[in-house]
N, C-alpha and C. Protein backbone atom coordinates (compact mmCIF):
# COMPACT_ATOMS: atom_id res chain seq x y z
N MET A 1 146.31 51.54 157.01
CA MET A 1 145.37 52.66 157.11
C MET A 1 145.87 53.86 156.31
N ARG A 2 147.21 54.06 156.37
CA ARG A 2 147.77 55.22 155.69
C ARG A 2 147.62 55.09 154.18
N LYS A 3 147.86 53.82 153.69
CA LYS A 3 147.71 53.57 152.26
C LYS A 3 146.28 53.79 151.83
N THR A 4 145.34 53.33 152.67
CA THR A 4 143.91 53.49 152.35
C THR A 4 143.55 54.95 152.24
N SER A 5 144.09 55.77 153.16
CA SER A 5 143.82 57.21 153.14
C SER A 5 144.37 57.86 151.87
N ILE A 6 145.56 57.41 151.46
CA ILE A 6 146.16 57.96 150.23
C ILE A 6 145.31 57.60 149.03
N TYR A 7 144.86 56.33 148.99
CA TYR A 7 144.01 55.87 147.88
C TYR A 7 142.72 56.67 147.81
N ARG A 8 142.16 56.95 149.02
CA ARG A 8 140.91 57.73 149.06
C ARG A 8 141.12 59.14 148.51
N LYS A 9 142.25 59.76 148.91
CA LYS A 9 142.55 61.11 148.42
C LYS A 9 142.71 61.11 146.90
N LYS A 10 143.43 60.08 146.40
CA LYS A 10 143.61 59.98 144.95
C LYS A 10 142.28 59.78 144.25
N ALA A 11 141.43 58.96 144.87
CA ALA A 11 140.12 58.68 144.27
C ALA A 11 139.27 59.95 144.21
N ARG A 12 139.35 60.75 145.33
CA ARG A 12 138.58 62.00 145.36
C ARG A 12 139.08 62.97 144.29
N LYS A 13 140.43 63.06 144.15
CA LYS A 13 141.00 63.95 143.13
C LYS A 13 140.57 63.51 141.73
N LEU A 14 140.63 62.17 141.52
CA LEU A 14 140.24 61.63 140.22
C LEU A 14 138.77 61.91 139.93
N LEU A 15 137.94 61.75 140.97
CA LEU A 15 136.50 62.00 140.82
C LEU A 15 136.25 63.46 140.50
N LYS A 16 136.98 64.36 141.21
CA LYS A 16 136.84 65.80 140.93
C LYS A 16 137.23 66.12 139.49
N GLY A 17 138.33 65.48 139.05
CA GLY A 17 138.79 65.72 137.68
C GLY A 17 137.78 65.27 136.65
N VAL A 18 137.22 64.08 136.88
CA VAL A 18 136.21 63.55 135.97
C VAL A 18 134.97 64.43 135.97
N THR A 19 134.56 64.86 137.18
CA THR A 19 133.38 65.73 137.30
C THR A 19 133.59 67.04 136.55
N THR A 20 134.80 67.61 136.71
CA THR A 20 135.12 68.87 136.02
C THR A 20 135.04 68.69 134.50
N ILE A 21 135.63 67.59 134.02
CA ILE A 21 135.61 67.32 132.57
C ILE A 21 134.18 67.18 132.07
N VAL A 22 133.35 66.46 132.83
CA VAL A 22 131.95 66.26 132.44
C VAL A 22 131.22 67.60 132.40
N LEU A 23 131.41 68.43 133.45
CA LEU A 23 130.74 69.73 133.50
C LEU A 23 131.16 70.62 132.34
N VAL A 24 132.47 70.63 132.07
CA VAL A 24 132.97 71.45 130.95
C VAL A 24 132.39 70.95 129.64
N SER A 25 132.33 69.63 129.47
CA SER A 25 131.79 69.06 128.23
C SER A 25 130.33 69.42 128.06
N VAL A 26 129.56 69.31 129.15
CA VAL A 26 128.13 69.64 129.10
C VAL A 26 127.95 71.12 128.75
N THR A 27 128.78 71.97 129.37
CA THR A 27 128.69 73.42 129.10
C THR A 27 128.98 73.72 127.64
N VAL A 28 130.05 73.11 127.12
CA VAL A 28 130.43 73.33 125.71
C VAL A 28 129.32 72.87 124.78
N ILE A 29 128.76 71.70 125.06
CA ILE A 29 127.68 71.17 124.22
C ILE A 29 126.46 72.07 124.27
N SER A 30 126.13 72.56 125.48
CA SER A 30 124.97 73.45 125.64
C SER A 30 125.15 74.73 124.84
N ILE A 31 126.36 75.32 124.95
CA ILE A 31 126.63 76.56 124.20
C ILE A 31 126.53 76.31 122.71
N ALA A 32 127.07 75.16 122.26
CA ALA A 32 127.02 74.84 120.83
C ALA A 32 125.58 74.70 120.36
N LEU A 33 124.74 74.06 121.19
CA LEU A 33 123.33 73.90 120.82
C LEU A 33 122.62 75.24 120.75
N ILE A 34 122.90 76.11 121.73
CA ILE A 34 122.28 77.44 121.75
C ILE A 34 122.68 78.24 120.52
N LEU A 35 123.99 78.23 120.23
CA LEU A 35 124.47 78.97 119.05
C LEU A 35 123.90 78.40 117.77
N GLY A 36 123.78 77.07 117.74
CA GLY A 36 123.20 76.43 116.56
C GLY A 36 121.76 76.83 116.35
N ASN A 37 121.00 76.89 117.45
CA ASN A 37 119.60 77.30 117.36
C ASN A 37 119.48 78.76 116.93
N LEU A 38 120.36 79.62 117.50
CA LEU A 38 120.33 81.03 117.11
C LEU A 38 120.63 81.19 115.63
N GLU A 39 121.61 80.42 115.15
CA GLU A 39 121.95 80.49 113.72
C GLU A 39 120.79 80.01 112.87
N LYS A 40 120.11 78.95 113.34
CA LYS A 40 118.96 78.42 112.59
C LYS A 40 117.85 79.45 112.53
N TYR A 41 117.56 80.10 113.69
CA TYR A 41 116.52 81.12 113.70
C TYR A 41 116.89 82.28 112.78
N SER A 42 118.19 82.65 112.79
CA SER A 42 118.63 83.73 111.91
C SER A 42 118.45 83.36 110.45
N GLU A 43 118.79 82.11 110.11
CA GLU A 43 118.61 81.65 108.73
C GLU A 43 117.15 81.64 108.35
N ASP A 44 116.29 81.19 109.29
CA ASP A 44 114.85 81.16 109.03
C ASP A 44 114.33 82.55 108.77
N ASP A 45 114.80 83.53 109.59
CA ASP A 45 114.37 84.91 109.41
C ASP A 45 114.79 85.43 108.04
N ASN A 46 116.03 85.13 107.66
CA ASN A 46 116.51 85.59 106.36
C ASN A 46 115.74 84.96 105.23
N GLN A 47 115.43 83.65 105.38
CA GLN A 47 114.67 82.97 104.35
C GLN A 47 113.29 83.56 104.22
N SER A 48 112.68 83.94 105.33
CA SER A 48 111.32 84.47 105.28
C SER A 48 111.27 85.81 104.57
N MET A 49 112.41 86.52 104.49
CA MET A 49 112.44 87.83 103.85
C MET A 49 113.08 87.78 102.47
N ARG A 50 113.23 86.61 101.89
CA ARG A 50 113.84 86.51 100.58
C ARG A 50 112.92 87.04 99.49
N LEU A 51 113.53 87.52 98.41
CA LEU A 51 112.76 87.86 97.22
C LEU A 51 112.50 86.58 96.44
N THR A 52 111.34 86.48 95.83
CA THR A 52 111.07 85.33 94.98
C THR A 52 111.88 85.46 93.69
N ASN A 53 112.10 84.33 93.04
CA ASN A 53 112.81 84.34 91.76
C ASN A 53 112.05 85.16 90.73
N LYS A 54 110.73 85.15 90.83
CA LYS A 54 109.91 85.91 89.88
C LYS A 54 110.17 87.41 90.04
N VAL A 55 110.23 87.87 91.28
CA VAL A 55 110.54 89.29 91.52
C VAL A 55 111.93 89.62 90.99
N LYS A 56 112.90 88.77 91.28
CA LYS A 56 114.26 89.01 90.80
C LYS A 56 114.32 89.10 89.28
N SER A 57 113.49 88.29 88.62
CA SER A 57 113.52 88.28 87.15
C SER A 57 113.06 89.60 86.55
N TYR A 58 112.32 90.40 87.34
CA TYR A 58 111.83 91.68 86.84
C TYR A 58 112.81 92.83 87.08
N GLU A 59 113.93 92.54 87.73
CA GLU A 59 114.90 93.61 88.03
C GLU A 59 115.34 94.38 86.79
N PRO A 60 115.72 93.70 85.68
CA PRO A 60 116.17 94.46 84.51
C PRO A 60 115.10 95.41 83.97
N MET A 61 113.84 94.98 83.98
CA MET A 61 112.76 95.82 83.47
C MET A 61 112.55 97.04 84.37
N ILE A 62 112.58 96.81 85.68
CA ILE A 62 112.40 97.91 86.64
C ILE A 62 113.56 98.90 86.52
N ALA A 63 114.78 98.36 86.47
CA ALA A 63 115.97 99.22 86.38
C ALA A 63 115.95 100.04 85.09
N LYS A 64 115.56 99.40 83.99
CA LYS A 64 115.51 100.10 82.70
C LYS A 64 114.50 101.25 82.73
N GLU A 65 113.32 100.97 83.31
CA GLU A 65 112.27 101.99 83.37
C GLU A 65 112.71 103.15 84.26
N LEU A 66 113.31 102.84 85.40
CA LEU A 66 113.80 103.88 86.29
C LEU A 66 114.94 104.68 85.66
N LYS A 67 115.84 103.97 84.98
CA LYS A 67 116.98 104.64 84.35
C LYS A 67 116.52 105.64 83.30
N SER A 68 115.43 105.30 82.59
CA SER A 68 114.92 106.21 81.57
C SER A 68 114.42 107.52 82.17
N GLN A 69 114.16 107.49 83.49
CA GLN A 69 113.69 108.69 84.17
C GLN A 69 114.71 109.24 85.16
N GLY A 70 115.94 108.71 85.05
CA GLY A 70 117.03 109.20 85.90
C GLY A 70 116.89 108.85 87.36
N LYS A 71 116.21 107.73 87.67
CA LYS A 71 115.97 107.36 89.07
C LYS A 71 116.36 105.91 89.34
N GLU A 72 117.42 105.44 88.71
CA GLU A 72 117.80 104.04 88.83
C GLU A 72 118.14 103.63 90.26
N GLU A 73 118.47 104.61 91.10
CA GLU A 73 118.82 104.28 92.49
C GLU A 73 117.66 103.70 93.28
N TYR A 74 116.45 103.77 92.73
CA TYR A 74 115.28 103.22 93.42
C TYR A 74 114.95 101.79 93.00
N THR A 75 115.84 101.15 92.24
CA THR A 75 115.57 99.79 91.75
C THR A 75 115.30 98.81 92.88
N ALA A 76 116.20 98.77 93.85
CA ALA A 76 116.02 97.82 94.96
C ALA A 76 114.75 98.10 95.74
N LEU A 77 114.44 99.37 95.95
CA LEU A 77 113.24 99.72 96.70
C LEU A 77 111.99 99.25 95.96
N LEU A 78 111.97 99.38 94.64
CA LEU A 78 110.78 98.96 93.89
C LEU A 78 110.70 97.44 93.76
N LEU A 79 111.83 96.76 93.83
CA LEU A 79 111.78 95.30 93.93
C LEU A 79 111.14 94.89 95.25
N ALA A 80 111.51 95.59 96.33
CA ALA A 80 110.90 95.33 97.64
C ALA A 80 109.41 95.63 97.61
N LEU A 81 109.04 96.71 96.94
CA LEU A 81 107.63 97.08 96.80
C LEU A 81 106.87 96.00 96.04
N MET A 82 107.44 95.52 94.93
CA MET A 82 106.78 94.46 94.16
C MET A 82 106.62 93.20 95.00
N MET A 83 107.64 92.90 95.80
CA MET A 83 107.57 91.71 96.66
C MET A 83 106.40 91.82 97.61
N GLN A 84 106.20 92.99 98.19
CA GLN A 84 105.09 93.19 99.10
C GLN A 84 103.75 93.16 98.36
N GLU A 85 103.71 93.73 97.17
CA GLU A 85 102.47 93.80 96.41
C GLU A 85 101.99 92.43 95.93
N SER A 86 102.91 91.64 95.37
CA SER A 86 102.45 90.42 94.70
C SER A 86 103.40 89.24 94.78
N GLY A 87 104.63 89.49 95.25
CA GLY A 87 105.62 88.43 95.19
C GLY A 87 106.02 88.11 93.75
N GLY A 88 105.63 89.00 92.82
CA GLY A 88 105.95 88.79 91.41
C GLY A 88 104.92 87.96 90.67
N ARG A 89 103.87 87.55 91.37
CA ARG A 89 102.86 86.69 90.75
C ARG A 89 101.89 87.50 89.89
N GLY A 90 101.30 86.84 88.91
CA GLY A 90 100.25 87.45 88.11
C GLY A 90 100.76 88.37 87.02
N ASN A 91 99.82 88.91 86.27
CA ASN A 91 100.15 89.78 85.14
C ASN A 91 100.24 91.26 85.52
N ASP A 92 99.94 91.56 86.78
CA ASP A 92 100.05 92.94 87.27
C ASP A 92 100.89 92.92 88.55
N PRO A 93 102.18 92.55 88.42
CA PRO A 93 103.00 92.35 89.62
C PRO A 93 103.20 93.60 90.47
N MET A 94 103.02 94.78 89.88
CA MET A 94 103.13 96.02 90.66
C MET A 94 101.78 96.45 91.22
N GLN A 95 100.73 95.66 90.94
CA GLN A 95 99.37 96.00 91.39
C GLN A 95 99.05 97.46 91.05
N ALA A 96 99.28 97.80 89.78
CA ALA A 96 99.19 99.20 89.34
C ALA A 96 97.90 99.53 88.61
N SER A 97 96.97 98.57 88.54
CA SER A 97 95.75 98.79 87.77
C SER A 97 94.94 99.99 88.25
N GLU A 98 94.76 100.11 89.57
CA GLU A 98 93.92 101.19 90.09
C GLU A 98 94.48 102.57 89.75
N SER A 99 95.80 102.69 89.79
CA SER A 99 96.39 103.99 89.43
C SER A 99 96.37 104.22 87.93
N TYR A 100 96.16 103.16 87.17
CA TYR A 100 96.16 103.26 85.70
C TYR A 100 94.77 103.54 85.14
N CYS A 101 93.77 102.81 85.65
CA CYS A 101 92.43 102.94 85.08
C CYS A 101 91.33 103.16 86.11
N GLY A 102 91.71 103.20 87.39
CA GLY A 102 90.72 103.45 88.43
C GLY A 102 90.01 102.23 88.96
N GLU A 103 90.40 101.05 88.50
CA GLU A 103 89.78 99.82 89.00
C GLU A 103 90.79 98.68 88.99
N VAL A 104 90.47 97.64 89.74
CA VAL A 104 91.37 96.49 89.85
C VAL A 104 91.25 95.61 88.61
N GLY A 105 92.39 95.11 88.13
CA GLY A 105 92.37 94.08 87.10
C GLY A 105 92.42 94.54 85.66
N CYS A 106 92.60 95.82 85.41
CA CYS A 106 92.61 96.27 84.01
C CYS A 106 93.98 96.09 83.34
N ILE A 107 95.02 95.87 84.13
CA ILE A 107 96.34 95.59 83.56
C ILE A 107 96.56 94.09 83.54
N ASP A 108 96.88 93.56 82.38
CA ASP A 108 97.13 92.12 82.27
C ASP A 108 98.45 91.83 81.56
N ASN A 109 99.39 92.76 81.73
CA ASN A 109 100.68 92.63 81.08
C ASN A 109 101.76 93.13 82.04
N PRO A 110 102.70 92.27 82.42
CA PRO A 110 103.73 92.69 83.38
C PRO A 110 104.53 93.91 82.95
N SER A 111 104.79 94.05 81.66
CA SER A 111 105.55 95.21 81.18
C SER A 111 104.80 96.51 81.45
N LEU A 112 103.49 96.50 81.15
CA LEU A 112 102.67 97.68 81.41
C LEU A 112 102.55 97.93 82.90
N SER A 113 102.44 96.85 83.68
CA SER A 113 102.35 96.96 85.13
C SER A 113 103.59 97.65 85.70
N ILE A 114 104.76 97.25 85.22
CA ILE A 114 106.01 97.83 85.71
C ILE A 114 106.14 99.29 85.27
N LYS A 115 105.80 99.56 84.03
CA LYS A 115 105.86 100.95 83.55
C LYS A 115 104.94 101.85 84.36
N GLN A 116 103.69 101.40 84.56
CA GLN A 116 102.73 102.20 85.33
C GLN A 116 103.14 102.29 86.79
N GLY A 117 103.61 101.17 87.36
CA GLY A 117 104.03 101.17 88.75
C GLY A 117 105.18 102.13 89.00
N VAL A 118 106.16 102.11 88.12
CA VAL A 118 107.30 103.03 88.25
C VAL A 118 106.85 104.47 88.09
N ASP A 119 106.04 104.72 87.06
CA ASP A 119 105.55 106.09 86.82
C ASP A 119 104.78 106.62 88.03
N TYR A 120 103.92 105.76 88.58
CA TYR A 120 103.08 106.20 89.70
C TYR A 120 103.92 106.42 90.95
N PHE A 121 104.87 105.52 91.20
CA PHE A 121 105.73 105.70 92.38
C PHE A 121 106.50 107.01 92.28
N LEU A 122 107.07 107.29 91.11
CA LEU A 122 107.84 108.53 90.96
C LEU A 122 106.94 109.75 91.07
N LYS A 123 105.69 109.60 90.66
CA LYS A 123 104.73 110.70 90.79
C LYS A 123 104.46 111.01 92.26
N VAL A 124 104.20 109.96 93.05
CA VAL A 124 103.93 110.20 94.47
C VAL A 124 105.20 110.63 95.20
N LEU A 125 106.35 110.13 94.76
CA LEU A 125 107.62 110.53 95.37
C LEU A 125 107.86 112.02 95.15
N ASP A 126 107.56 112.49 93.95
CA ASP A 126 107.73 113.91 93.64
C ASP A 126 106.77 114.76 94.48
N LYS A 127 105.52 114.30 94.57
CA LYS A 127 104.54 115.05 95.36
C LYS A 127 104.89 115.05 96.84
N ALA A 128 105.55 113.97 97.28
CA ALA A 128 105.97 113.85 98.68
C ALA A 128 107.31 114.52 98.95
N ASN A 129 107.81 115.28 97.97
CA ASN A 129 109.08 115.99 98.11
C ASN A 129 110.24 115.07 98.47
N GLY A 130 110.23 113.87 97.89
CA GLY A 130 111.33 112.94 98.11
C GLY A 130 111.25 112.14 99.38
N ASP A 131 110.19 112.30 100.18
CA ASP A 131 110.02 111.53 101.41
C ASP A 131 109.60 110.11 101.03
N THR A 132 110.55 109.18 101.13
CA THR A 132 110.32 107.82 100.64
C THR A 132 109.22 107.11 101.40
N GLN A 133 109.18 107.28 102.70
CA GLN A 133 108.14 106.62 103.50
C GLN A 133 106.75 107.13 103.11
N LEU A 134 106.63 108.43 102.96
CA LEU A 134 105.35 109.00 102.55
C LEU A 134 104.97 108.53 101.15
N ALA A 135 105.96 108.45 100.27
CA ALA A 135 105.70 107.98 98.90
C ALA A 135 105.24 106.52 98.90
N LEU A 136 105.87 105.69 99.71
CA LEU A 136 105.48 104.28 99.77
C LEU A 136 104.04 104.13 100.27
N GLN A 137 103.71 104.81 101.37
CA GLN A 137 102.35 104.69 101.90
C GLN A 137 101.33 105.26 100.92
N SER A 138 101.71 106.30 100.19
CA SER A 138 100.81 106.90 99.20
C SER A 138 100.65 106.01 97.98
N TYR A 139 101.65 105.20 97.67
CA TYR A 139 101.51 104.21 96.60
C TYR A 139 100.39 103.25 96.96
N ASN A 140 100.28 102.94 98.23
CA ASN A 140 99.24 102.04 98.72
C ASN A 140 97.90 102.73 98.90
N PHE A 141 97.91 103.93 99.49
CA PHE A 141 96.67 104.66 99.82
C PHE A 141 96.14 105.51 98.67
N GLY A 142 97.05 106.02 97.84
CA GLY A 142 96.67 106.99 96.82
C GLY A 142 97.25 108.36 97.13
N LEU A 143 97.24 109.22 96.12
CA LEU A 143 97.84 110.55 96.24
C LEU A 143 97.22 111.40 97.33
N GLY A 144 95.96 111.14 97.65
CA GLY A 144 95.28 111.93 98.68
C GLY A 144 95.97 111.88 100.03
N PHE A 145 96.73 110.80 100.27
CA PHE A 145 97.42 110.69 101.56
C PHE A 145 98.52 111.73 101.69
N VAL A 146 99.16 112.09 100.58
CA VAL A 146 100.20 113.13 100.63
C VAL A 146 99.58 114.44 101.11
N ASP A 147 98.44 114.81 100.54
CA ASP A 147 97.76 116.04 100.96
C ASP A 147 97.37 115.97 102.44
N TYR A 148 96.88 114.80 102.85
CA TYR A 148 96.45 114.61 104.24
C TYR A 148 97.62 114.84 105.19
N VAL A 149 98.78 114.28 104.86
CA VAL A 149 99.97 114.43 105.70
C VAL A 149 100.48 115.87 105.68
N ASN A 150 100.48 116.47 104.50
CA ASN A 150 100.97 117.86 104.39
C ASN A 150 100.14 118.83 105.22
N GLU A 151 98.86 118.53 105.36
CA GLU A 151 97.98 119.37 106.17
C GLU A 151 98.19 119.14 107.67
N ARG A 152 98.98 118.12 108.01
CA ARG A 152 99.20 117.76 109.42
C ARG A 152 100.69 117.69 109.76
N GLY A 153 101.43 118.61 109.22
CA GLY A 153 102.85 118.72 109.57
C GLY A 153 103.80 118.31 108.47
N GLY A 154 103.33 117.55 107.50
CA GLY A 154 104.15 117.21 106.35
C GLY A 154 105.11 116.06 106.52
N LYS A 155 105.03 115.32 107.64
CA LYS A 155 105.94 114.20 107.86
C LYS A 155 105.14 112.91 108.07
N TYR A 156 105.52 111.86 107.35
CA TYR A 156 104.84 110.57 107.49
C TYR A 156 105.01 110.00 108.90
N THR A 157 103.93 109.49 109.44
CA THR A 157 103.97 108.67 110.65
C THR A 157 102.94 107.56 110.48
N GLU A 158 103.14 106.47 111.17
CA GLU A 158 102.16 105.38 111.09
C GLU A 158 100.84 105.81 111.71
N GLU A 159 100.89 106.69 112.70
CA GLU A 159 99.66 107.20 113.31
C GLU A 159 98.79 107.91 112.28
N LEU A 160 99.42 108.72 111.42
CA LEU A 160 98.67 109.40 110.36
C LEU A 160 98.12 108.40 109.35
N ALA A 161 98.88 107.35 109.10
CA ALA A 161 98.39 106.29 108.19
C ALA A 161 97.15 105.63 108.77
N ILE A 162 97.16 105.39 110.08
CA ILE A 162 95.99 104.78 110.73
C ILE A 162 94.79 105.71 110.66
N GLU A 163 95.01 106.99 110.97
CA GLU A 163 93.92 107.97 110.92
C GLU A 163 93.30 108.05 109.52
N PHE A 164 94.15 108.09 108.51
CA PHE A 164 93.68 108.19 107.13
C PHE A 164 92.90 106.94 106.73
N SER A 165 93.42 105.78 107.13
CA SER A 165 92.75 104.52 106.82
C SER A 165 91.37 104.45 107.46
N VAL A 166 91.27 104.87 108.72
CA VAL A 166 89.97 104.90 109.41
C VAL A 166 89.00 105.83 108.69
N MET A 167 89.47 107.02 108.35
CA MET A 167 88.62 108.01 107.68
C MET A 167 88.11 107.47 106.34
N MET A 168 89.00 106.91 105.54
CA MET A 168 88.61 106.41 104.23
C MET A 168 87.71 105.18 104.33
N TYR A 169 87.97 104.34 105.31
CA TYR A 169 87.14 103.15 105.49
C TYR A 169 85.73 103.54 105.90
N ASP A 170 85.62 104.55 106.75
CA ASP A 170 84.29 105.05 107.14
C ASP A 170 83.53 105.58 105.92
N ARG A 171 84.24 106.30 105.07
CA ARG A 171 83.61 106.86 103.88
C ARG A 171 83.12 105.78 102.92
N LEU A 172 83.88 104.68 102.86
CA LEU A 172 83.58 103.63 101.88
C LEU A 172 82.93 102.40 102.51
N ALA A 173 82.47 102.55 103.75
CA ALA A 173 81.94 101.40 104.49
C ALA A 173 80.80 100.70 103.76
N GLY A 174 79.97 101.47 103.09
CA GLY A 174 78.80 100.88 102.42
C GLY A 174 79.11 100.17 101.13
N THR A 175 80.32 100.30 100.63
CA THR A 175 80.67 99.71 99.33
C THR A 175 81.09 98.25 99.43
N ASN A 176 81.45 97.81 100.62
CA ASN A 176 81.92 96.43 100.84
C ASN A 176 83.14 96.07 99.98
N VAL A 177 83.92 97.08 99.63
CA VAL A 177 85.11 96.86 98.81
C VAL A 177 86.30 96.46 99.69
N TYR A 178 86.37 97.05 100.89
CA TYR A 178 87.54 96.84 101.74
C TYR A 178 87.20 96.03 102.98
N THR A 179 88.10 95.14 103.32
CA THR A 179 88.00 94.38 104.57
C THR A 179 89.36 94.42 105.27
N CYS A 180 89.35 94.22 106.57
CA CYS A 180 90.61 94.25 107.32
C CYS A 180 91.43 92.99 107.02
N LYS A 181 92.58 93.19 106.43
CA LYS A 181 93.46 92.06 106.12
C LYS A 181 94.50 91.84 107.21
N ARG A 182 94.69 92.82 108.06
CA ARG A 182 95.66 92.71 109.15
C ARG A 182 94.94 92.72 110.49
N GLU A 183 95.37 91.84 111.37
CA GLU A 183 94.80 91.80 112.71
C GLU A 183 95.05 93.12 113.44
N GLU A 184 96.24 93.70 113.21
CA GLU A 184 96.58 94.95 113.90
C GLU A 184 95.64 96.09 113.52
N ALA A 185 95.07 96.01 112.32
CA ALA A 185 94.21 97.09 111.84
C ALA A 185 92.80 97.01 112.42
N LYS A 186 92.39 95.82 112.82
CA LYS A 186 91.01 95.63 113.28
C LYS A 186 90.70 96.44 114.54
N GLN A 187 91.68 96.55 115.43
CA GLN A 187 91.44 97.27 116.68
C GLN A 187 91.16 98.75 116.46
N TYR A 188 91.65 99.27 115.32
CA TYR A 188 91.42 100.68 114.99
C TYR A 188 90.29 100.87 113.99
N ASN A 189 89.83 99.75 113.41
CA ASN A 189 88.90 99.81 112.28
C ASN A 189 89.55 100.53 111.10
N ALA A 190 90.85 100.31 110.98
CA ALA A 190 91.64 100.94 109.91
C ALA A 190 91.82 99.93 108.78
N CYS A 191 90.76 99.74 108.02
CA CYS A 191 90.72 98.65 107.04
C CYS A 191 90.87 99.11 105.59
N TYR A 192 91.13 100.39 105.39
CA TYR A 192 91.40 100.90 104.04
C TYR A 192 92.89 100.77 103.78
N GLY A 193 93.26 100.06 102.72
CA GLY A 193 94.67 99.88 102.42
C GLY A 193 95.39 99.07 103.47
N ASP A 194 96.68 99.30 103.59
CA ASP A 194 97.53 98.55 104.51
C ASP A 194 98.32 99.53 105.38
N ILE A 195 97.94 99.63 106.64
CA ILE A 195 98.58 100.60 107.53
C ILE A 195 100.03 100.24 107.84
N LYS A 196 100.42 99.01 107.57
CA LYS A 196 101.80 98.55 107.81
C LYS A 196 102.60 98.45 106.51
N TYR A 197 102.12 99.12 105.48
CA TYR A 197 102.73 98.98 104.16
C TYR A 197 104.18 99.43 104.14
N VAL A 198 104.48 100.57 104.72
CA VAL A 198 105.85 101.10 104.72
C VAL A 198 106.79 100.12 105.41
N GLU A 199 106.40 99.68 106.59
CA GLU A 199 107.22 98.74 107.36
C GLU A 199 107.44 97.45 106.57
N SER A 200 106.39 96.96 105.93
CA SER A 200 106.48 95.69 105.20
C SER A 200 107.42 95.80 104.00
N VAL A 201 107.31 96.89 103.25
CA VAL A 201 108.20 97.08 102.10
C VAL A 201 109.65 97.22 102.57
N LEU A 202 109.87 98.02 103.60
CA LEU A 202 111.24 98.25 104.07
C LEU A 202 111.86 97.00 104.68
N ASP A 203 111.04 96.07 105.14
CA ASP A 203 111.57 94.79 105.61
C ASP A 203 112.26 94.03 104.48
N TYR A 204 111.75 94.18 103.27
CA TYR A 204 112.34 93.51 102.11
C TYR A 204 113.51 94.28 101.49
N TYR A 205 113.65 95.54 101.85
CA TYR A 205 114.64 96.40 101.19
C TYR A 205 116.08 95.90 101.33
N PRO A 206 116.54 95.48 102.52
CA PRO A 206 117.93 95.00 102.63
C PRO A 206 118.23 93.82 101.72
N VAL A 207 117.30 92.85 101.66
CA VAL A 207 117.56 91.68 100.80
C VAL A 207 117.48 92.07 99.33
N ALA A 208 116.65 93.07 99.01
CA ALA A 208 116.56 93.55 97.63
C ALA A 208 117.87 94.20 97.21
N LYS A 209 118.47 94.98 98.12
CA LYS A 209 119.76 95.62 97.81
C LYS A 209 120.84 94.57 97.63
N THR A 210 120.81 93.54 98.48
CA THR A 210 121.80 92.47 98.36
C THR A 210 121.62 91.72 97.04
N ALA A 211 120.37 91.43 96.71
CA ALA A 211 120.08 90.67 95.49
C ALA A 211 120.51 91.43 94.24
N THR A 212 120.36 92.75 94.26
CA THR A 212 120.70 93.55 93.09
C THR A 212 122.16 93.97 93.06
N LYS A 213 122.85 93.76 94.22
CA LYS A 213 124.23 94.24 94.35
C LYS A 213 124.32 95.71 93.95
N GLN A 214 123.27 96.43 94.29
CA GLN A 214 123.14 97.82 93.84
C GLN A 214 123.80 98.77 94.83
N LYS A 215 124.63 99.64 94.33
CA LYS A 215 125.25 100.68 95.15
C LYS A 215 124.41 101.94 95.00
N ASP A 216 123.29 101.96 95.73
CA ASP A 216 122.37 103.09 95.62
C ASP A 216 122.98 104.36 96.17
N LYS A 217 122.48 105.45 95.68
CA LYS A 217 122.70 106.71 96.38
C LYS A 217 121.90 106.59 97.68
N GLN A 218 122.25 107.39 98.66
CA GLN A 218 121.48 107.37 99.90
C GLN A 218 120.05 107.82 99.63
N ILE A 219 119.11 106.95 99.93
CA ILE A 219 117.71 107.30 99.74
C ILE A 219 117.23 108.04 100.98
N VAL A 220 116.76 109.24 100.80
CA VAL A 220 116.39 110.12 101.90
C VAL A 220 115.17 109.60 102.63
N ALA A 221 115.20 109.71 103.96
CA ALA A 221 114.04 109.39 104.82
C ALA A 221 113.56 107.97 104.64
N LEU A 222 114.50 107.03 104.42
CA LEU A 222 114.08 105.64 104.25
C LEU A 222 113.64 105.05 105.57
N LYS A 223 114.43 105.31 106.61
CA LYS A 223 114.04 104.86 107.95
C LYS A 223 114.66 105.80 108.95
N ASP A 224 113.86 106.23 109.90
CA ASP A 224 114.39 107.11 110.94
C ASP A 224 115.06 106.26 112.00
């Protein structure tokens, strides 16, 4: 009986040891799977915000145009802007036709598109007193947005972008030129331009800086 009791104790200890090993193994595997999934999601997020090769190929042209005007530090930002505008596709990758001739499609040359896009961005940046967010939204909305913001405190907010979009869409409702491209805009009837333009461009900015290996000067008011 005594031997049987000893064997039982040993068996229980052995079983506890095996159970502990199994639990530890399961825990380690679970943690590894969780970390693997987190890494995968992180990679997916980074991939979704990549610049296209076409956008990257325009970096020298953008940098050269900016350098000629003493503003080379905005190269990465304008690559991000181009990514949001077109992904580098087409003959007007900066979507600069409207600021050039007042209508869509009059630019059919990437070089002219970049020259006009850079010129127009620097124009709105100057009018916005260096406020990058206001300049970005005005690149999308037009110069009138700078005046609109200046009359309401002088600082860009998404709320002002929504108000301006609603106002302009109401004015142009009969033209059938603009439709809501964003679900978020439909609830406000803010269908003129892109009310999320600043956020969308700035989402690309970190990868643009990495891609250009650019040591920019600090760009003022990029993100609060």
